[in-house]
């Protein structure tokens, strides 16, 4: 992948979130969040199940409207143009009823003409060269997730968001996905990666945002977070004493 952002930053950064709230049945799922993500490094959002990580990601990607608050990318409100400059990989990939190549062609068509050379290079890069003409929905779970990642990268996003993309995958698929994510980062994409896996967060987290019960309790550098978490909830989570 060629580096496209020579200054190491994207036009959509900083991400500035203020007063962000979301309620369901009068229950606060996100509670007045204020956060600024300004670095081009890999940001890992972590916390126990039910912390609000996935919901937060969907709101900042524009898939869900917040109940209250403001989300701005590079000083701009959410718009079709802002969203087109992002891509998101979900925990459970949503694939079209087409072949592997057909799924890639659809993604490429969103950016203009289909580039078969680029398509085939991405398919090879995610280890699916032998499955190019196979129906995407017959792939294994790890293969489907790798295809979803290749499809996201075909969009050449400035910001790549990933919502627990390696949950329940075998170690080889986890390693490959992390390698590809790191390549995208080195090529200039801002990475925002949701996980509850401590080992993965240690590997990928230049910056850690720790969430618990709909609140952001900590935002700090990865090495600082794991050495000296400031909140009791984060300490409990790291030591395996908190699961919800």
Protein backbone atom coordinates (compact mmCIF):
# COMPACT_ATOMS: atom_id res chain seq x y z
CA UNK A 1 0.00 0.00 0.00
CA UNK A 2 1.36 3.39 -0.94
CA UNK A 3 1.44 6.12 1.65
CA UNK A 4 -1.16 8.71 0.73
CA UNK A 5 -0.92 11.15 3.65
CA UNK A 6 2.65 12.35 3.76
CA UNK A 7 2.24 14.37 6.95
CA UNK A 8 1.03 11.33 8.88
CA UNK A 9 -2.36 12.93 9.53
CA UNK A 10 -5.73 12.78 7.82
CA UNK A 11 -8.03 15.58 6.83
CA UNK A 12 -10.74 14.10 9.06
CA UNK A 13 -8.62 14.34 12.20
CA UNK A 14 -9.15 15.63 14.84
CA UNK A 15 -12.37 13.92 15.78
CA UNK A 16 -14.14 16.09 18.33
CA UNK A 17 -17.10 14.75 20.29
CA UNK A 18 -18.97 16.93 22.78
CA UNK A 19 -21.94 16.17 25.00
CA UNK A 20 -22.64 12.92 23.17
CA UNK A 21 -25.52 11.00 24.70
CA UNK A 22 -27.76 8.14 23.64
CA UNK A 23 -30.69 6.64 25.55
CA UNK A 24 -32.79 3.54 24.99
CA UNK A 25 -35.99 3.08 27.00
CA UNK A 26 -34.90 5.96 29.21
CA UNK A 27 -31.67 4.12 30.02
CA UNK A 28 -28.44 6.02 29.24
CA UNK A 29 -26.22 3.92 26.98
CA UNK A 30 -23.83 6.82 26.34
CA UNK A 31 -23.71 9.57 28.91
CA UNK A 32 -22.51 13.07 27.92
CA UNK A 33 -19.24 11.99 26.29
CA UNK A 34 -16.55 14.57 25.58
CA UNK A 35 -13.48 13.31 23.74
CA UNK A 36 -10.94 14.56 21.22
CA UNK A 37 -8.95 12.16 19.07
CA UNK A 38 -6.20 14.21 17.51
CA UNK A 39 -3.34 11.82 16.84
CA UNK A 40 -2.73 9.87 13.65
CA UNK A 41 -1.74 6.85 15.75
CA UNK A 42 -3.80 3.73 16.33
CA UNK A 43 -6.58 4.42 18.82
CA UNK A 44 -7.97 1.39 20.63
CA UNK A 45 -11.33 1.69 22.37
CA UNK A 46 -11.71 -0.94 25.05
CA UNK A 47 -13.82 -1.88 28.02
CA UNK A 48 -16.15 -4.63 29.23
CA UNK A 49 -19.26 -5.81 27.41
CA UNK A 50 -22.02 -3.21 27.54
CA UNK A 51 -19.61 -0.30 27.95
CA UNK A 52 -20.95 1.42 24.82
CA UNK A 53 -17.93 0.85 22.57
CA UNK A 54 -19.77 -0.39 19.48
CA UNK A 55 -22.54 2.18 19.85
CA UNK A 56 -19.99 4.96 20.10
CA UNK A 57 -18.26 3.73 16.94
CA UNK A 58 -21.52 3.59 14.98
CA UNK A 59 -22.46 7.09 16.04
CA UNK A 60 -19.13 8.66 15.08
CA UNK A 61 -19.36 6.83 11.74
CA UNK A 62 -22.80 8.32 11.15
CA UNK A 63 -24.74 5.05 11.19
CA UNK A 64 -26.80 6.06 14.24
CA UNK A 65 -27.88 9.56 15.17
CA UNK A 66 -26.99 10.61 18.71
CA UNK A 67 -29.72 11.56 21.14
CA UNK A 68 -27.76 14.68 22.01
CA UNK A 69 -24.35 16.15 21.38
CA UNK A 70 -22.08 16.95 18.49
CA UNK A 71 -19.63 14.95 16.36
CA UNK A 72 -17.13 16.75 14.15
CA UNK A 73 -14.45 15.33 11.89
CA UNK A 74 -11.70 17.80 11.07
CA UNK A 75 -14.04 20.58 12.16
CA UNK A 76 -16.83 19.31 9.90
CA UNK A 77 -20.21 17.90 10.85
CA UNK A 78 -21.15 14.45 9.58
CA UNK A 79 -22.07 14.45 5.90
CA UNK A 80 -22.05 12.08 2.95
CA UNK A 81 -18.62 13.38 1.98
CA UNK A 82 -17.21 12.82 5.47
CA UNK A 83 -18.65 9.31 5.63
CA UNK A 84 -17.26 8.42 2.18
CA UNK A 85 -13.78 9.13 3.48
CA UNK A 86 -14.20 6.49 6.20
CA UNK A 87 -14.70 2.73 6.18
CA UNK A 88 -15.90 0.38 8.88
CA UNK A 89 -15.44 -3.34 9.49
CA UNK A 90 -18.04 -4.95 11.74
CA UNK A 91 -17.71 -7.87 14.12
CA UNK A 92 -19.99 -9.90 11.85
CA UNK A 93 -19.23 -9.16 8.21
CA UNK A 94 -22.14 -8.30 5.94
CA UNK A 95 -21.34 -9.78 2.54
CA UNK A 96 -23.22 -9.62 -0.73
CA UNK A 97 -24.60 -12.72 -2.43
CA UNK A 98 -21.75 -12.58 -4.91
CA UNK A 99 -18.34 -14.09 -5.36
CA UNK A 100 -15.29 -12.82 -3.49
CA UNK A 101 -14.33 -10.83 -6.60
CA UNK A 102 -17.90 -9.59 -6.98
CA UNK A 103 -17.89 -8.22 -3.43
CA UNK A 104 -14.65 -6.41 -4.17
CA UNK A 105 -15.97 -5.05 -7.45
CA UNK A 106 -18.97 -3.59 -5.67
CA UNK A 107 -16.73 -1.79 -3.17
CA UNK A 108 -14.49 -0.45 -5.92
CA UNK A 109 -17.49 0.75 -7.92
CA UNK A 110 -18.34 3.10 -5.03
CA UNK A 111 -15.14 5.00 -5.83
CA UNK A 112 -15.57 5.00 -9.60
CA UNK A 113 -14.36 2.52 -12.22
CA UNK A 114 -13.51 -1.03 -11.17
CA UNK A 115 -9.76 -1.60 -11.13
CA UNK A 116 -9.26 -5.34 -11.62
CA UNK A 117 -5.54 -5.18 -10.87
CA UNK A 118 -6.17 -3.44 -7.56
CA UNK A 119 -9.01 -5.83 -6.77
CA UNK A 120 -6.90 -8.91 -7.37
CA UNK A 121 -3.97 -7.47 -5.39
CA UNK A 122 -6.21 -6.88 -2.37
CA UNK A 123 -7.72 -10.35 -2.63
CA UNK A 124 -4.23 -11.84 -2.67
CA UNK A 125 -3.11 -9.66 0.22
CA UNK A 126 -5.82 -11.00 2.51
CA UNK A 127 -5.02 -14.59 1.56
CA UNK A 128 -8.06 -15.27 -0.60
CA UNK A 129 -6.42 -15.63 -3.99
CA UNK A 130 -7.56 -19.22 -4.35
CA UNK A 131 -11.14 -18.24 -3.47
CA UNK A 132 -11.51 -15.39 -5.97
CA UNK A 133 -14.56 -16.93 -7.70
CA UNK A 134 -16.04 -18.62 -4.62
CA UNK A 135 -19.38 -17.38 -3.24
CA UNK A 136 -18.44 -15.07 -0.39
CA UNK A 137 -21.01 -16.50 1.99
CA UNK A 138 -19.44 -19.97 1.79
CA UNK A 139 -16.14 -18.73 3.22
CA UNK A 140 -15.13 -19.55 6.76
CA UNK A 141 -15.62 -16.92 9.48
CA UNK A 142 -12.01 -15.79 9.34
CA UNK A 143 -12.04 -15.65 5.55
CA UNK A 144 -15.24 -13.62 5.53
CA UNK A 145 -13.72 -11.11 7.92
CA UNK A 146 -10.60 -10.82 5.79
CA UNK A 147 -12.78 -10.17 2.75
CA UNK A 148 -14.68 -7.50 4.68
CA UNK A 149 -11.37 -5.85 5.54
CA UNK A 150 -10.18 -6.00 1.93
CA UNK A 151 -13.46 -4.46 0.83
CA UNK A 152 -13.02 -1.63 3.34
CA UNK A 153 -9.46 -0.98 2.16
CA UNK A 154 -10.65 -0.84 -1.45
CA UNK A 155 -12.33 2.44 -0.48
CA UNK A 156 -8.92 3.93 0.46
CA UNK A 157 -10.34 5.38 3.69
CA UNK A 158 -8.69 8.16 5.60
CA UNK A 159 -10.17 6.65 8.75
CA UNK A 160 -10.56 2.89 9.17
CA UNK A 161 -12.85 1.82 12.02
CA UNK A 162 -13.00 -1.78 13.20
CA UNK A 163 -15.54 -3.12 15.68
CA UNK A 164 -14.05 -6.24 17.32
CA UNK A 165 -13.14 -7.66 13.90
CA UNK A 166 -11.22 -10.64 15.30
CA UNK A 167 -13.71 -11.83 17.91
CA UNK A 168 -14.00 -15.64 17.80
CA UNK A 169 -11.44 -16.01 15.00
CA UNK A 170 -8.56 -18.46 14.93
CA UNK A 171 -5.07 -17.14 15.82
CA UNK A 172 -3.83 -17.21 12.21
CA UNK A 173 -6.73 -15.03 11.03
CA UNK A 174 -6.23 -12.67 13.99
CA UNK A 175 -2.56 -12.25 13.11
CA UNK A 176 -3.27 -11.63 9.44
CA UNK A 177 -5.97 -9.05 10.17
CA UNK A 178 -3.71 -7.21 12.61
CA UNK A 179 -0.90 -7.19 10.04
CA UNK A 180 -3.19 -5.73 7.38
CA UNK A 181 -4.52 -3.12 9.79
CA UNK A 182 -0.96 -2.10 10.61
CA UNK A 183 -0.16 -1.81 6.90
CA UNK A 184 -3.14 0.47 6.44
CA UNK A 185 -1.93 2.56 9.38
CA UNK A 186 1.58 2.86 7.95
CA UNK A 187 0.04 3.86 4.62
CA UNK A 188 -1.59 6.83 6.34
CA UNK A 189 -5.02 5.72 7.53
CA UNK A 190 -6.19 6.65 11.00
CA UNK A 191 -7.14 3.46 12.87
CA UNK A 192 -9.93 3.34 15.46
CA UNK A 193 -10.14 -0.23 16.75
CA UNK A 194 -12.68 -1.56 19.26
CA UNK A 195 -11.69 -4.62 21.28
CA UNK A 196 -12.12 -6.15 24.71
CA UNK A 197 -9.01 -8.32 24.18
CA UNK A 198 -6.24 -7.06 26.46
CA UNK A 199 -3.44 -8.70 24.49
CA UNK A 200 -4.68 -7.20 21.25
CA UNK A 201 -5.03 -3.79 22.84
CA UNK A 202 -1.43 -4.00 24.02
CA UNK A 203 -0.26 -4.87 20.51
CA UNK A 204 -2.24 -2.23 18.66
CA UNK A 205 -3.00 0.54 21.11
CA UNK A 206 -0.81 3.59 20.65
CA UNK A 207 -3.67 5.38 22.40
CA UNK A 208 -6.24 3.75 24.67
CA UNK A 209 -9.75 5.01 25.33
CA UNK A 210 -11.32 3.05 28.19
CA UNK A 211 -15.10 2.98 28.44
CA UNK A 212 -17.32 1.70 31.22
CA UNK A 213 -21.10 1.96 31.60
CA UNK A 214 -21.50 4.50 28.81
CA UNK A 215 -18.73 6.80 30.00
CA UNK A 216 -15.15 7.42 28.92
CA UNK A 217 -13.07 7.00 32.06
CA UNK A 218 -9.58 7.24 30.57
CA UNK A 219 -7.81 8.38 27.42
CA UNK A 220 -4.06 8.00 27.43
CA UNK A 221 -1.06 6.45 25.69
CA UNK A 222 -1.14 2.68 25.56
CA UNK A 223 2.03 2.03 27.57
CA UNK A 224 0.89 4.47 30.25
CA UNK A 225 -2.57 2.94 30.48
CA UNK A 226 -1.36 -0.60 31.01
CA UNK A 227 1.35 0.39 33.48
CA UNK A 228 -0.72 2.75 35.59
CA UNK A 229 -4.47 2.93 34.87
CA UNK A 230 -6.02 5.82 36.73
CA UNK A 231 -9.55 4.53 37.35
CA UNK A 232 -10.54 1.66 39.59
CA UNK A 233 -12.75 0.25 36.81
CA UNK A 234 -9.77 0.10 34.42
CA UNK A 235 -7.60 -1.57 37.05
CA UNK A 236 -10.31 -4.13 37.72
CA UNK A 237 -10.77 -4.78 34.00
CA UNK A 238 -7.05 -5.32 33.39
CA UNK A 239 -6.87 -7.70 36.34
CA UNK A 240 -9.93 -9.64 35.18
CA UNK A 241 -12.25 -8.56 37.97
CA UNK A 242 -14.79 -6.74 35.80
CA UNK A 243 -16.81 -8.19 32.95
CA UNK A 244 -19.84 -5.86 32.72
